[in-house]
Amino acid sequence: MCTECDFEDTLDRINDMLDDERYNFADETLNSIYSWVDKNDHVTEKQIEAVENIRASVEDR
């Protein structure tokens, strides 16, 4: 378990996004990131950036 990256917050954010139909276009990407983060108990900066970019593409409209 990584104590530096706060990966649980990313998993929670992805779960919320997967439950929101506005993010259906990114289901494959979000599920892929979720699986990797869950398996490795770690999230990279690039993964956080990808999730945030997906969120912003919907929220900033």
C-alpha atoms as a PDB file:
ATOM      1  CA  MET A   1       0.000   0.000   0.000  1.00  0.00           C
ATOM      2  CA  CYS A   2       1.369   3.367  -1.003  1.00  0.00           C
ATOM      3  CA  THR A   3       1.294   5.902   1.807  1.00  0.00           C
ATOM      4  CA  GLU A   4       2.291   8.836  -0.374  1.00  0.00           C
ATOM      5  CA  CYS A   5      -0.157   8.917  -3.286  1.00  0.00           C
ATOM      6  CA  ASP A   6      -3.612   8.777  -1.635  1.00  0.00           C
ATOM      7  CA  PHE A   7      -4.800   6.265  -4.233  1.00  0.00           C
ATOM      8  CA  GLU A   8      -8.081   5.622  -2.378  1.00  0.00           C
ATOM      9  CA  ASP A   9      -9.327   9.105  -3.294  1.00  0.00           C
ATOM     10  CA  THR A  10      -8.705   8.371  -6.952  1.00  0.00           C
ATOM     11  CA  LEU A  11     -10.600   5.079  -6.698  1.00  0.00           C
ATOM     12  CA  ASP A  12     -13.538   6.889  -5.074  1.00  0.00           C
ATOM     13  CA  ARG A  13     -13.496   9.602  -7.744  1.00  0.00           C
ATOM     14  CA  ILE A  14     -13.439   7.014 -10.547  1.00  0.00           C
ATOM     15  CA  ASN A  15     -16.321   5.103  -8.938  1.00  0.00           C
ATOM     16  CA  ASP A  16     -18.380   8.290  -8.817  1.00  0.00           C
ATOM     17  CA  MET A  17     -17.605   8.992 -12.455  1.00  0.00           C
ATOM     18  CA  LEU A  18     -18.500   5.445 -13.520  1.00  0.00           C
ATOM     19  CA  ASP A  19     -21.885   5.870 -11.818  1.00  0.00           C
ATOM     20  CA  ASP A  20     -22.544   9.061 -13.788  1.00  0.00           C
ATOM     21  CA  GLU A  21     -23.785   8.458 -17.336  1.00  0.00           C
ATOM     22  CA  ARG A  22     -22.132  11.675 -18.551  1.00  0.00           C
ATOM     23  CA  TYR A  23     -18.827   9.769 -18.373  1.00  0.00           C
ATOM     24  CA  ASN A  24     -19.977   6.734 -20.366  1.00  0.00           C
ATOM     25  CA  PHE A  25     -17.715   7.788 -23.237  1.00  0.00           C
ATOM     26  CA  ALA A  26     -14.689   7.124 -20.986  1.00  0.00           C
ATOM     27  CA  ASP A  27     -15.836   3.873 -19.338  1.00  0.00           C
ATOM     28  CA  GLU A  28     -13.032   1.792 -20.821  1.00  0.00           C
ATOM     29  CA  THR A  29     -10.322   4.243 -19.776  1.00  0.00           C
ATOM     30  CA  LEU A  30     -11.759   4.769 -16.296  1.00  0.00           C
ATOM     31  CA  ASN A  31     -12.181   1.037 -15.719  1.00  0.00           C
ATOM     32  CA  SER A  32      -8.638   0.390 -16.891  1.00  0.00           C
ATOM     33  CA  ILE A  33      -7.178   3.015 -14.570  1.00  0.00           C
ATOM     34  CA  TYR A  34      -9.341   1.776 -11.701  1.00  0.00           C
ATOM     35  CA  SER A  35      -8.188  -1.813 -12.178  1.00  0.00           C
ATOM     36  CA  TRP A  36      -4.513  -0.887 -12.277  1.00  0.00           C
ATOM     37  CA  VAL A  37      -4.708   1.423  -9.255  1.00  0.00           C
ATOM     38  CA  ASP A  38      -6.722  -1.114  -7.256  1.00  0.00           C
ATOM     39  CA  LYS A  39      -4.285  -3.917  -8.084  1.00  0.00           C
ATOM     40  CA  ASN A  40      -1.168  -1.880  -7.281  1.00  0.00           C
ATOM     41  CA  ASP A  41      -2.468   0.252  -4.372  1.00  0.00           C
ATOM     42  CA  HIS A  42      -0.832   3.206  -6.090  1.00  0.00           C
ATOM     43  CA  VAL A  43      -1.770   5.930  -8.547  1.00  0.00           C
ATOM     44  CA  THR A  44       0.618   7.778 -10.837  1.00  0.00           C
ATOM     45  CA  GLU A  45       0.543  11.479 -11.602  1.00  0.00           C
ATOM     46  CA  LYS A  46      -0.343  10.683 -15.227  1.00  0.00           C
ATOM     47  CA  GLN A  47      -3.334   8.588 -14.109  1.00  0.00           C
ATOM     48  CA  ILE A  48      -4.539  11.393 -11.848  1.00  0.00           C
ATOM     49  CA  GLU A  49      -4.120  13.800 -14.753  1.00  0.00           C
ATOM     50  CA  ALA A  50      -6.102  11.521 -17.090  1.00  0.00           C
ATOM     51  CA  VAL A  51      -8.979  11.203 -14.619  1.00  0.00           C
ATOM     52  CA  GLU A  52      -8.994  14.955 -14.051  1.00  0.00           C
ATOM     53  CA  ASN A  53      -8.984  15.642 -17.811  1.00  0.00           C
ATOM     54  CA  ILE A  54     -11.993  13.354 -18.271  1.00  0.00           C
ATOM     55  CA  ARG A  55     -13.782  15.060 -15.387  1.00  0.00           C
ATOM     56  CA  ALA A  56     -12.991  18.502 -16.744  1.00  0.00           C
ATOM     57  CA  SER A  57     -14.256  17.581 -20.209  1.00  0.00           C
ATOM     58  CA  VAL A  58     -17.709  17.073 -18.687  1.00  0.00           C
ATOM     59  CA  GLU A  59     -17.777  19.559 -15.816  1.00  0.00           C
ATOM     60  CA  ASP A  60     -16.335  22.517 -17.725  1.00  0.00           C
ATOM     61  CA  ARG A  61     -18.921  22.466 -20.506  1.00  0.00           C
END
